[in-house]
Amino acid sequence: MISFTRPVWPAYLLSVFVAGLGHCYLGHWKRGVIWFLLYVLALAFLSARTVSDALELGDPFVVTAIQFEQVAFADVALPLAVLIVCLLDVYLIGLAQQTESSPVAEPRSDGS
């Protein structure tokens, strides 16, 4: 039986562009959707800057993120942290898949 494995490196690039997309590429759909929703939620808090403002419908969604001169590092720390942890999760999943697919070397029976 031949097992088809995809290369892992495109998952890293996909996760940088859209959080969770790398997980979907590797076949972890639920995990990818959860990461995507978490990232969207982090962007909503970036835009609103407070929890109470995030729940109001009248405010623009990511307008403050587009205005670079008004955004401090503390404002983008949460979405950036979510993206970095998402990339780390994709790396660990890819590492686990590579170790599962690699053949285990069996000891030689001739004593050497």
PDB file of N, CA and C in Angstrom:
ATOM      1  N   MET A   1       0.851  -1.191   0.000  1.00  0.00           N
ATOM      2  CA  MET A   1       0.000   0.000   0.000  1.00  0.00           C
ATOM      3  C   MET A   1       0.887   1.241   0.000  1.00  0.00           C
ATOM      4  N   ILE A   2       0.663   2.123  -0.926  1.00  0.00           N
ATOM      5  CA  ILE A   2       1.443   3.348  -1.052  1.00  0.00           C
ATOM      6  C   ILE A   2       0.706   4.465  -0.338  1.00  0.00           C
ATOM      7  N   SER A   3       1.420   5.149   0.574  1.00  0.00           N
ATOM      8  CA  SER A   3       0.798   6.288   1.265  1.00  0.00           C
ATOM      9  C   SER A   3       1.288   7.577   0.610  1.00  0.00           C
ATOM     10  N   PHE A   4       0.363   8.428   0.281  1.00  0.00           N
ATOM     11  CA  PHE A   4       0.678   9.702  -0.363  1.00  0.00           C
ATOM     12  C   PHE A   4       0.888  10.757   0.724  1.00  0.00           C
ATOM     13  N   THR A   5       2.060  11.351   0.747  1.00  0.00           N
ATOM     14  CA  THR A   5       2.328  12.431   1.692  1.00  0.00           C
ATOM     15  C   THR A   5       2.689  13.685   0.916  1.00  0.00           C
ATOM     16  N   ARG A   6       2.150  14.767   1.366  1.00  0.00           N
ATOM     17  CA  ARG A   6       2.439  16.059   0.731  1.00  0.00           C
ATOM     18  C   ARG A   6       3.686  16.657   1.354  1.00  0.00           C
ATOM     19  N   PRO A   7       4.384  17.507   0.614  1.00  0.00           N
ATOM     20  CA  PRO A   7       5.481  18.237   1.239  1.00  0.00           C
ATOM     21  C   PRO A   7       4.925  19.223   2.270  1.00  0.00           C
ATOM     22  N   VAL A   8       5.667  19.429   3.329  1.00  0.00           N
ATOM     23  CA  VAL A   8       5.168  20.241   4.434  1.00  0.00           C
ATOM     24  C   VAL A   8       5.428  21.727   4.227  1.00  0.00           C
ATOM     25  N   TRP A   9       6.457  22.087   3.498  1.00  0.00           N
ATOM     26  CA  TRP A   9       6.839  23.496   3.411  1.00  0.00           C
ATOM     27  C   TRP A   9       5.754  24.424   2.871  1.00  0.00           C
ATOM     28  N   PRO A  10       4.859  24.017   1.945  1.00  0.00           N
ATOM     29  CA  PRO A  10       3.803  24.952   1.532  1.00  0.00           C
ATOM     30  C   PRO A  10       2.835  25.302   2.666  1.00  0.00           C
ATOM     31  N   ALA A  11       2.710  24.430   3.648  1.00  0.00           N
ATOM     32  CA  ALA A  11       1.820  24.708   4.770  1.00  0.00           C
ATOM     33  C   ALA A  11       2.300  25.918   5.565  1.00  0.00           C
ATOM     34  N   TYR A  12       3.618  26.105   5.648  1.00  0.00           N
ATOM     35  CA  TYR A  12       4.154  27.267   6.362  1.00  0.00           C
ATOM     36  C   TYR A  12       3.785  28.564   5.642  1.00  0.00           C
ATOM     37  N   LEU A  13       3.953  28.574   4.331  1.00  0.00           N
ATOM     38  CA  LEU A  13       3.621  29.777   3.560  1.00  0.00           C
ATOM     39  C   LEU A  13       2.127  30.070   3.613  1.00  0.00           C
ATOM     40  N   LEU A  14       1.315  29.032   3.507  1.00  0.00           N
ATOM     41  CA  LEU A  14      -0.127  29.237   3.564  1.00  0.00           C
ATOM     42  C   LEU A  14      -0.556  29.783   4.923  1.00  0.00           C
ATOM     43  N   SER A  15       0.093  29.330   5.981  1.00  0.00           N
ATOM     44  CA  SER A  15      -0.258  29.817   7.319  1.00  0.00           C
ATOM     45  C   SER A  15       0.151  31.267   7.522  1.00  0.00           C
ATOM     46  N   VAL A  16       1.207  31.696   6.856  1.00  0.00           N
ATOM     47  CA  VAL A  16       1.609  33.101   6.970  1.00  0.00           C
ATOM     48  C   VAL A  16       0.585  34.000   6.293  1.00  0.00           C
ATOM     49  N   PHE A  17       0.057  33.566   5.159  1.00  0.00           N
ATOM     50  CA  PHE A  17      -0.923  34.385   4.441  1.00  0.00           C
ATOM     51  C   PHE A  17      -2.284  34.371   5.124  1.00  0.00           C
ATOM     52  N   VAL A  18      -2.757  33.198   5.515  1.00  0.00           N
ATOM     53  CA  VAL A  18      -4.049  33.064   6.192  1.00  0.00           C
ATOM     54  C   VAL A  18      -3.869  32.044   7.304  1.00  0.00           C
ATOM     55  N   ALA A  19      -4.048  32.489   8.538  1.00  0.00           N
ATOM     56  CA  ALA A  19      -3.891  31.573   9.673  1.00  0.00           C
ATOM     57  C   ALA A  19      -4.895  30.429   9.557  1.00  0.00           C
ATOM     58  N   GLY A  20      -4.400  29.205   9.686  1.00  0.00           N
ATOM     59  CA  GLY A  20      -5.251  28.031   9.605  1.00  0.00           C
ATOM     60  C   GLY A  20      -5.259  27.364   8.249  1.00  0.00           C
ATOM     61  N   LEU A  21      -4.836  28.056   7.222  1.00  0.00           N
ATOM     62  CA  LEU A  21      -4.846  27.480   5.875  1.00  0.00           C
ATOM     63  C   LEU A  21      -3.807  26.372   5.733  1.00  0.00           C
ATOM     64  N   GLY A  22      -2.699  26.494   6.433  1.00  0.00           N
ATOM     65  CA  GLY A  22      -1.691  25.435   6.413  1.00  0.00           C
ATOM     66  C   GLY A  22      -2.192  24.158   7.054  1.00  0.00           C
ATOM     67  N   HIS A  23      -2.996  24.301   8.108  1.00  0.00           N
ATOM     68  CA  HIS A  23      -3.592  23.129   8.746  1.00  0.00           C
ATOM     69  C   HIS A  23      -4.538  22.420   7.779  1.00  0.00           C
ATOM     70  N   CYS A  24      -5.318  23.200   7.056  1.00  0.00           N
ATOM     71  CA  CYS A  24      -6.241  22.606   6.071  1.00  0.00           C
ATOM     72  C   CYS A  24      -5.462  21.900   4.969  1.00  0.00           C
ATOM     73  N   TYR A  25      -4.345  22.460   4.555  1.00  0.00           N
ATOM     74  CA  TYR A  25      -3.491  21.839   3.547  1.00  0.00           C
ATOM     75  C   TYR A  25      -2.972  20.486   4.019  1.00  0.00           C
ATOM     76  N   LEU A  26      -2.638  20.399   5.324  1.00  0.00           N
ATOM     77  CA  LEU A  26      -2.129  19.149   5.876  1.00  0.00           C
ATOM     78  C   LEU A  26      -3.230  18.160   6.225  1.00  0.00           C
ATOM     79  N   GLY A  27      -4.499  18.568   6.057  1.00  0.00           N
ATOM     80  CA  GLY A  27      -5.609  17.661   6.300  1.00  0.00           C
ATOM     81  C   GLY A  27      -6.258  17.794   7.662  1.00  0.00           C
ATOM     82  N   HIS A  28      -5.870  18.789   8.430  1.00  0.00           N
ATOM     83  CA  HIS A  28      -6.453  19.018   9.752  1.00  0.00           C
ATOM     84  C   HIS A  28      -7.468  20.156   9.640  1.00  0.00           C
ATOM     85  N   TRP A  29      -8.642  19.840   9.106  1.00  0.00           N
ATOM     86  CA  TRP A  29      -9.646  20.850   8.789  1.00  0.00           C
ATOM     87  C   TRP A  29     -10.203  21.534  10.026  1.00  0.00           C
ATOM     88  N   LYS A  30     -10.565  20.768  11.041  1.00  0.00           N
ATOM     89  CA  LYS A  30     -11.132  21.377  12.253  1.00  0.00           C
ATOM     90  C   LYS A  30     -10.136  22.320  12.905  1.00  0.00           C
ATOM     91  N   ARG A  31      -8.912  21.865  13.000  1.00  0.00           N
ATOM     92  CA  ARG A  31      -7.877  22.688  13.618  1.00  0.00           C
ATOM     93  C   ARG A  31      -7.643  23.965  12.801  1.00  0.00           C
ATOM     94  N   GLY A  32      -7.675  23.849  11.481  1.00  0.00           N
ATOM     95  CA  GLY A  32      -7.491  25.010  10.622  1.00  0.00           C
ATOM     96  C   GLY A  32      -8.602  26.031  10.779  1.00  0.00           C
ATOM     97  N   VAL A  33      -9.832  25.559  10.874  1.00  0.00           N
ATOM     98  CA  VAL A  33     -10.965  26.479  11.053  1.00  0.00           C
ATOM     99  C   VAL A  33     -10.876  27.167  12.415  1.00  0.00           C
ATOM    100  N   ILE A  34     -10.466  26.436  13.433  1.00  0.00           N
ATOM    101  CA  ILE A  34     -10.335  27.038  14.767  1.00  0.00           C
ATOM    102  C   ILE A  34      -9.255  28.116  14.766  1.00  0.00           C
ATOM    103  N   TRP A  35      -8.110  27.845  14.137  1.00  0.00           N
ATOM    104  CA  TRP A  35      -7.049  28.862  14.058  1.00  0.00           C
ATOM    105  C   TRP A  35      -7.508  30.084  13.263  1.00  0.00           C
ATOM    106  N   PHE A  36      -8.242  29.854  12.184  1.00  0.00           N
ATOM    107  CA  PHE A  36      -8.733  30.977  11.385  1.00  0.00           C
ATOM    108  C   PHE A  36      -9.693  31.845  12.197  1.00  0.00           C
ATOM    109  N   LEU A  37     -10.628  31.218  12.902  1.00  0.00           N
ATOM    110  CA  LEU A  37     -11.580  31.979  13.719  1.00  0.00           C
ATOM    111  C   LEU A  37     -10.878  32.716  14.856  1.00  0.00           C
ATOM    112  N   LEU A  38      -9.879  32.086  15.447  1.00  0.00           N
ATOM    113  CA  LEU A  38      -9.118  32.751  16.505  1.00  0.00           C
ATOM    114  C   LEU A  38      -8.374  33.969  15.969  1.00  0.00           C
ATOM    115  N   TYR A  39      -7.838  33.857  14.767  1.00  0.00           N
ATOM    116  CA  TYR A  39      -7.129  34.980  14.159  1.00  0.00           C
ATOM    117  C   TYR A  39      -8.087  36.113  13.798  1.00  0.00           C
ATOM    118  N   VAL A  40      -9.251  35.773  13.261  1.00  0.00           N
ATOM    119  CA  VAL A  40     -10.256  36.798  12.949  1.00  0.00           C
ATOM    120  C   VAL A  40     -10.713  37.495  14.221  1.00  0.00           C
ATOM    121  N   LEU A  41     -10.890  36.743  15.285  1.00  0.00           N
ATOM    122  CA  LEU A  41     -11.270  37.333  16.568  1.00  0.00           C
ATOM    123  C   LEU A  41     -10.178  38.266  17.084  1.00  0.00           C
ATOM    124  N   ALA A  42      -8.919  37.877  16.926  1.00  0.00           N
ATOM    125  CA  ALA A  42      -7.807  38.741  17.342  1.00  0.00           C
ATOM    126  C   ALA A  42      -7.772  40.016  16.508  1.00  0.00           C
ATOM    127  N   LEU A  43      -8.066  39.917  15.219  1.00  0.00           N
ATOM    128  CA  LEU A  43      -8.127  41.123  14.383  1.00  0.00           C
ATOM    129  C   LEU A  43      -9.299  42.020  14.761  1.00  0.00           C
ATOM    130  N   ALA A  44     -10.397  41.429  15.178  1.00  0.00           N
ATOM    131  CA  ALA A  44     -11.545  42.227  15.610  1.00  0.00           C
ATOM    132  C   ALA A  44     -11.191  43.022  16.863  1.00  0.00           C
ATOM    133  N   PHE A  45     -10.457  42.394  17.764  1.00  0.00           N
ATOM    134  CA  PHE A  45     -10.030  43.121  18.961  1.00  0.00           C
ATOM    135  C   PHE A  45      -8.967  44.152  18.625  1.00  0.00           C
ATOM    136  N   LEU A  46      -8.174  43.918  17.607  1.00  0.00           N
ATOM    137  CA  LEU A  46      -7.209  44.915  17.149  1.00  0.00           C
ATOM    138  C   LEU A  46      -7.940  46.151  16.648  1.00  0.00           C
ATOM    139  N   SER A  47      -8.995  45.929  15.900  1.00  0.00           N
ATOM    140  CA  SER A  47      -9.748  47.043  15.350  1.00  0.00           C
ATOM    141  C   SER A  47     -10.493  47.812  16.431  1.00  0.00           C
ATOM    142  N   ALA A  48     -11.103  47.079  17.356  1.00  0.00           N
ATOM    143  CA  ALA A  48     -11.931  47.726  18.359  1.00  0.00           C
ATOM    144  C   ALA A  48     -11.120  48.219  19.542  1.00  0.00           C
ATOM    145  N   ARG A  49     -10.021  47.554  19.842  1.00  0.00           N
ATOM    146  CA  ARG A  49      -9.112  47.856  20.937  1.00  0.00           C
ATOM    147  C   ARG A  49      -9.686  47.581  22.313  1.00  0.00           C
ATOM    148  N   THR A  50     -10.957  47.333  22.428  1.00  0.00           N
ATOM    149  CA  THR A  50     -11.552  46.931  23.698  1.00  0.00           C
ATOM    150  C   THR A  50     -12.618  45.886  23.427  1.00  0.00           C
ATOM    151  N   VAL A  51     -12.926  45.100  24.433  1.00  0.00           N
ATOM    152  CA  VAL A  51     -13.925  44.055  24.266  1.00  0.00           C
ATOM    153  C   VAL A  51     -15.307  44.656  24.031  1.00  0.00           C
ATOM    154  N   SER A  52     -15.643  45.723  24.738  1.00  0.00           N
ATOM    155  CA  SER A  52     -16.970  46.318  24.572  1.00  0.00           C
ATOM    156  C   SER A  52     -17.141  46.946  23.192  1.00  0.00           C
ATOM    157  N   ASP A  53     -16.076  47.541  22.645  1.00  0.00           N
ATOM    158  CA  ASP A  53     -16.157  48.113  21.297  1.00  0.00           C
ATOM    159  C   ASP A  53     -16.197  47.039  20.225  1.00  0.00           C
ATOM    160  N   ALA A  54     -15.651  45.862  20.507  1.00  0.00           N
ATOM    161  CA  ALA A  54     -15.642  44.789  19.511  1.00  0.00           C
ATOM    162  C   ALA A  54     -17.037  44.248  19.251  1.00  0.00           C
ATOM    163  N   LEU A  55     -17.922  44.382  20.214  1.00  0.00           N
ATOM    164  CA  LEU A  55     -19.268  43.842  20.069  1.00  0.00           C
ATOM    165  C   LEU A  55     -20.242  44.816  19.416  1.00  0.00           C
ATOM    166  N   GLU A  56     -19.842  46.068  19.229  1.00  0.00           N
ATOM    167  CA  GLU A  56     -20.704  47.042  18.570  1.00  0.00           C
ATOM    168  C   GLU A  56     -20.637  46.847  17.056  1.00  0.00           C
ATOM    169  N   LEU A  57     -21.781  46.930  16.408  1.00  0.00           N
ATOM    170  CA  LEU A  57     -21.831  46.691  14.968  1.00  0.00           C
ATOM    171  C   LEU A  57     -21.488  47.921  14.140  1.00  0.00           C
ATOM    172  N   GLY A  58     -21.537  49.103  14.714  1.00  0.00           N
ATOM    173  CA  GLY A  58     -21.334  50.315  13.943  1.00  0.00           C
ATOM    174  C   GLY A  58     -19.886  50.637  13.643  1.00  0.00           C
ATOM    175  N   ASP A  59     -18.938  50.033  14.362  1.00  0.00           N
ATOM    176  CA  ASP A  59     -17.527  50.346  14.162  1.00  0.00           C
ATOM    177  C   ASP A  59     -16.967  49.615  12.949  1.00  0.00           C
ATOM    178  N   PRO A  60     -16.024  50.254  12.232  1.00  0.00           N
ATOM    179  CA  PRO A  60     -15.372  49.555  11.127  1.00  0.00           C
ATOM    180  C   PRO A  60     -14.520  48.405  11.646  1.00  0.00           C
ATOM    181  N   PHE A  61     -14.344  47.374  10.811  1.00  0.00           N
ATOM    182  CA  PHE A  61     -13.723  46.139  11.285  1.00  0.00           C
ATOM    183  C   PHE A  61     -12.211  46.275  11.484  1.00  0.00           C
ATOM    184  N   VAL A  62     -11.464  46.580  10.460  1.00  0.00           N
ATOM    185  CA  VAL A  62     -10.011  46.628  10.598  1.00  0.00           C
ATOM    186  C   VAL A  62      -9.466  47.970  10.111  1.00  0.00           C
ATOM    187  N   VAL A  63     -10.209  49.033  10.307  1.00  0.00           N
ATOM    188  CA  VAL A  63      -9.785  50.343   9.810  1.00  0.00           C
ATOM    189  C   VAL A  63      -8.553  50.833  10.549  1.00  0.00           C
ATOM    190  N   THR A  64      -8.487  50.624  11.858  1.00  0.00           N
ATOM    191  CA  THR A  64      -7.319  51.103  12.599  1.00  0.00           C
ATOM    192  C   THR A  64      -6.065  50.328  12.238  1.00  0.00           C
ATOM    193  N   ALA A  65      -6.187  49.100  11.790  1.00  0.00           N
ATOM    194  CA  ALA A  65      -5.013  48.324  11.396  1.00  0.00           C
ATOM    195  C   ALA A  65      -4.417  48.837  10.090  1.00  0.00           C
ATOM    196  N   ILE A  66      -5.231  49.478   9.253  1.00  0.00           N
ATOM    197  CA  ILE A  66      -4.748  49.993   7.979  1.00  0.00           C
ATOM    198  C   ILE A  66      -4.004  51.314   8.183  1.00  0.00           C
ATOM    199  N   GLN A  67      -4.330  52.044   9.218  1.00  0.00           N
ATOM    200  CA  GLN A  67      -3.683  53.326   9.501  1.00  0.00           C
ATOM    201  C   GLN A  67      -2.416  53.067  10.305  1.00  0.00           C
ATOM    202  N   PHE A  68      -1.300  52.846   9.612  1.00  0.00           N
ATOM    203  CA  PHE A  68      -0.063  52.403  10.241  1.00  0.00           C
ATOM    204  C   PHE A  68       0.504  53.398  11.241  1.00  0.00           C
ATOM    205  N   GLU A  69       0.319  54.685  11.025  1.00  0.00           N
ATOM    206  CA  GLU A  69       0.901  55.669  11.941  1.00  0.00           C
ATOM    207  C   GLU A  69       0.186  55.694  13.287  1.00  0.00           C
ATOM    208  N   GLN A  70      -1.005  55.131  13.382  1.00  0.00           N
ATOM    209  CA  GLN A  70      -1.749  55.138  14.636  1.00  0.00           C
ATOM    210  C   GLN A  70      -1.702  53.798  15.360  1.00  0.00           C
ATOM    211  N   VAL A  71      -1.026  52.821  14.813  1.00  0.00           N
ATOM    212  CA  VAL A  71      -1.000  51.493  15.411  1.00  0.00           C
ATOM    213  C   VAL A  71       0.312  51.294  16.157  1.00  0.00           C
ATOM    214  N   ALA A  72       0.216  50.943  17.429  1.00  0.00           N
ATOM    215  CA  ALA A  72       1.389  50.645  18.241  1.00  0.00           C
ATOM    216  C   ALA A  72       1.615  49.139  18.258  1.00  0.00           C
ATOM    217  N   PHE A  73       2.803  48.740  18.731  1.00  0.00           N
ATOM    218  CA  PHE A  73       3.105  47.305  18.780  1.00  0.00           C
ATOM    219  C   PHE A  73       2.151  46.563  19.706  1.00  0.00           C
ATOM    220  N   ALA A  74       1.744  47.194  20.778  1.00  0.00           N
ATOM    221  CA  ALA A  74       0.816  46.551  21.708  1.00  0.00           C
ATOM    222  C   ALA A  74      -0.522  46.248  21.035  1.00  0.00           C
ATOM    223  N   ASP A  75      -0.886  47.028  20.041  1.00  0.00           N
ATOM    224  CA  ASP A  75      -2.146  46.803  19.330  1.00  0.00           C
ATOM    225  C   ASP A  75      -2.088  45.564  18.430  1.00  0.00           C
ATOM    226  N   VAL A  76      -0.931  45.299  17.848  1.00  0.00           N
ATOM    227  CA  VAL A  76      -0.816  44.161  16.932  1.00  0.00           C
ATOM    228  C   VAL A  76      -0.216  42.930  17.602  1.00  0.00           C
ATOM    229  N   ALA A  77       0.077  43.007  18.888  1.00  0.00           N
ATOM    230  CA  ALA A  77       0.723  41.892  19.578  1.00  0.00           C
ATOM    231  C   ALA A  77      -0.158  40.649  19.622  1.00  0.00           C
ATOM    232  N   LEU A  78      -1.453  40.807  19.856  1.00  0.00           N
ATOM    233  CA  LEU A  78      -2.335  39.646  19.953  1.00  0.00           C
ATOM    234  C   LEU A  78      -2.479  38.921  18.603  1.00  0.00           C
ATOM    235  N   PRO A  79      -2.805  39.611  17.499  1.00  0.00           N
ATOM    236  CA  PRO A  79      -2.862  38.884  16.220  1.00  0.00           C
ATOM    237  C   PRO A  79      -1.512  38.294  15.811  1.00  0.00           C
ATOM    238  N   LEU A  80      -0.431  38.990  16.110  1.00  0.00           N
ATOM    239  CA  LEU A  80       0.892  38.471  15.779  1.00  0.00           C
ATOM    240  C   LEU A  80       1.210  37.226  16.600  1.00  0.00           C
ATOM    241  N   ALA A  81       0.848  37.230  17.869  1.00  0.00           N
ATOM    242  CA  ALA A  81       1.070  36.060  18.723  1.00  0.00           C
ATOM    243  C   ALA A  81       0.248  34.862  18.237  1.00  0.00           C
ATOM    244  N   VAL A  82      -0.987  35.111  17.829  1.00  0.00           N
ATOM    245  CA  VAL A  82      -1.822  34.024  17.303  1.00  0.00           C
ATOM    246  C   VAL A  82      -1.190  33.451  16.041  1.00  0.00           C
ATOM    247  N   LEU A  83      -0.684  34.293  15.171  1.00  0.00           N
ATOM    248  CA  LEU A  83      -0.064  33.832  13.931  1.00  0.00           C
ATOM    249  C   LEU A  83       1.210  33.033  14.207  1.00  0.00           C
ATOM    250  N   ILE A  84       2.020  33.472  15.155  1.00  0.00           N
ATOM    251  CA  ILE A  84       3.257  32.766  15.476  1.00  0.00           C
ATOM    252  C   ILE A  84       2.970  31.399  16.095  1.00  0.00           C
ATOM    253  N   VAL A  85       2.001  31.333  16.998  1.00  0.00           N
ATOM    254  CA  VAL A  85       1.657  30.047  17.608  1.00  0.00           C
ATOM    255  C   VAL A  85       1.024  29.122  16.567  1.00  0.00           C
ATOM    256  N   CYS A  86       0.267  29.682  15.641  1.00  0.00           N
ATOM    257  CA  CYS A  86      -0.304  28.891  14.545  1.00  0.00           C
ATOM    258  C   CYS A  86       0.810  28.291  13.685  1.00  0.00           C
ATOM    259  N   LEU A  87       1.826  29.073  13.371  1.00  0.00           N
ATOM    260  CA  LEU A  87       2.965  28.563  12.601  1.00  0.00           C
ATOM    261  C   LEU A  87       3.711  27.478  13.363  1.00  0.00           C
ATOM    262  N   LEU A  88       3.864  27.655  14.670  1.00  0.00           N
ATOM    263  CA  LEU A  88       4.509  26.641  15.482  1.00  0.00           C
ATOM    264  C   LEU A  88       3.698  25.342  15.481  1.00  0.00           C
ATOM    265  N   ASP A  89       2.388  25.462  15.528  1.00  0.00           N
ATOM    266  CA  ASP A  89       1.520  24.285  15.500  1.00  0.00           C
ATOM    267  C   ASP A  89       1.636  23.564  14.160  1.00  0.00           C
ATOM    268  N   VAL A  90       1.683  24.301  13.064  1.00  0.00           N
ATOM    269  CA  VAL A  90       1.859  23.686  11.742  1.00  0.00           C
ATOM    270  C   VAL A  90       3.207  22.979  11.673  1.00  0.00           C
ATOM    271  N   TYR A  91       4.231  23.586  12.235  1.00  0.00           N
ATOM    272  CA  TYR A  91       5.565  22.971  12.244  1.00  0.00           C
ATOM    273  C   TYR A  91       5.541  21.649  13.008  1.00  0.00           C
ATOM    274  N   LEU A  92       4.914  21.638  14.176  1.00  0.00           N
ATOM    275  CA  LEU A  92       4.861  20.419  14.978  1.00  0.00           C
ATOM    276  C   LEU A  92       4.036  19.329  14.306  1.00  0.00           C
ATOM    277  N   ILE A  93       2.941  19.703  13.645  1.00  0.00           N
ATOM    278  CA  ILE A  93       2.143  18.721  12.906  1.00  0.00           C
ATOM    279  C   ILE A  93       2.962  18.149  11.748  1.00  0.00           C
ATOM    280  N   GLY A  94       3.655  19.011  11.014  1.00  0.00           N
ATOM    281  CA  GLY A  94       4.494  18.547   9.911  1.00  0.00           C
ATOM    282  C   GLY A  94       5.620  17.649  10.391  1.00  0.00           C
ATOM    283  N   LEU A  95       6.204  17.988  11.527  1.00  0.00           N
ATOM    284  CA  LEU A  95       7.267  17.168  12.101  1.00  0.00           C
ATOM    285  C   LEU A  95       6.738  15.796  12.504  1.00  0.00           C
ATOM    286  N   ALA A  96       5.555  15.765  13.092  1.00  0.00           N
ATOM    287  CA  ALA A  96       4.944  14.488  13.483  1.00  0.00           C
ATOM    288  C   ALA A  96       4.612  13.647  12.255  1.00  0.00           C
ATOM    289  N   GLN A  97       4.126  14.277  11.199  1.00  0.00           N
ATOM    290  CA  GLN A  97       3.800  13.537   9.981  1.00  0.00           C
ATOM    291  C   GLN A  97       5.052  12.992   9.306  1.00  0.00           C
ATOM    292  N   GLN A  98       6.148  13.731   9.366  1.00  0.00           N
ATOM    293  CA  GLN A  98       7.384  13.258   8.760  1.00  0.00           C
ATOM    294  C   GLN A  98       7.963  12.082   9.538  1.00  0.00           C
ATOM    295  N   THR A  99       7.866  12.110  10.860  1.00  0.00           N
ATOM    296  CA  THR A  99       8.401  11.000  11.641  1.00  0.00           C
ATOM    297  C   THR A  99       7.530   9.752  11.496  1.00  0.00           C
ATOM    298  N   GLU A 100       6.220   9.935  11.294  1.00  0.00           N
ATOM    299  CA  GLU A 100       5.351   8.783  11.075  1.00  0.00           C
ATOM    300  C   GLU A 100       5.604   8.132   9.724  1.00  0.00           C
ATOM    301  N   SER A 101       5.927   8.933   8.715  1.00  0.00           N
ATOM    302  CA  SER A 101       6.092   8.392   7.369  1.00  0.00           C
ATOM    303  C   SER A 101       7.500   7.866   7.105  1.00  0.00           C
ATOM    304  N   SER A 102       8.476   8.247   7.930  1.00  0.00           N
ATOM    305  CA  SER A 102       9.838   7.770   7.693  1.00  0.00           C
ATOM    306  C   SER A 102       9.984   6.336   8.189  1.00  0.00           C
ATOM    307  N   PRO A 103      10.658   5.509   7.420  1.00  0.00           N
ATOM    308  CA  PRO A 103      10.835   4.117   7.841  1.00  0.00           C
ATOM    309  C   PRO A 103      11.807   4.023   9.008  1.00  0.00           C
ATOM    310  N   VAL A 104      11.529   3.118   9.915  1.00  0.00           N
ATOM    311  CA  VAL A 104      12.382   2.921  11.076  1.00  0.00           C
ATOM    312  C   VAL A 104      13.478   1.924  10.693  1.00  0.00           C
ATOM    313  N   ALA A 105      14.716   2.283  11.004  1.00  0.00           N
ATOM    314  CA  ALA A 105      15.830   1.406  10.680  1.00  0.00           C
ATOM    315  C   ALA A 105      15.824   0.219  11.648  1.00  0.00           C
ATOM    316  N   GLU A 106      15.838  -0.973  11.084  1.00  0.00           N
ATOM    317  CA  GLU A 106      15.841  -2.185  11.894  1.00  0.00           C
ATOM    318  C   GLU A 106      17.282  -2.621  12.142  1.00  0.00           C
ATOM    319  N   PRO A 107      17.559  -3.167  13.321  1.00  0.00           N
ATOM    320  CA  PRO A 107      18.920  -3.601  13.610  1.00  0.00           C
ATOM    321  C   PRO A 107      19.312  -4.783  12.715  1.00  0.00           C
ATOM    322  N   ARG A 108      20.597  -4.837  12.410  1.00  0.00           N
ATOM    323  CA  ARG A 108      21.089  -5.902  11.561  1.00  0.00           C
ATOM    324  C   ARG A 108      21.238  -7.185  12.364  1.00  0.00           C
ATOM    325  N   SER A 109      20.971  -8.293  11.729  1.00  0.00           N
ATOM    326  CA  SER A 109      21.031  -9.571  12.421  1.00  0.00           C
ATOM    327  C   SER A 109      22.401 -10.237  12.361  1.00  0.00           C
ATOM    328  N   ASP A 110      23.352  -9.633  11.630  1.00  0.00           N
ATOM    329  CA  ASP A 110      24.660 -10.270  11.507  1.00  0.00           C
ATOM    330  C   ASP A 110      25.614  -9.857  12.625  1.00  0.00           C
ATOM    331  N   GLY A 111      25.128  -9.097  13.615  1.00  0.00           N
ATOM    332  CA  GLY A 111      25.933  -8.754  14.772  1.00  0.00           C
ATOM    333  C   GLY A 111      26.707  -7.465  14.641  1.00  0.00           C
ATOM    334  N   SER A 112      26.628  -6.780  13.526  1.00  0.00           N
ATOM    335  CA  SER A 112      27.368  -5.527  13.414  1.00  0.00           C
ATOM    336  C   SER A 112      26.472  -4.343  13.473  1.00  0.00           C
TER     337      SER A 112
END
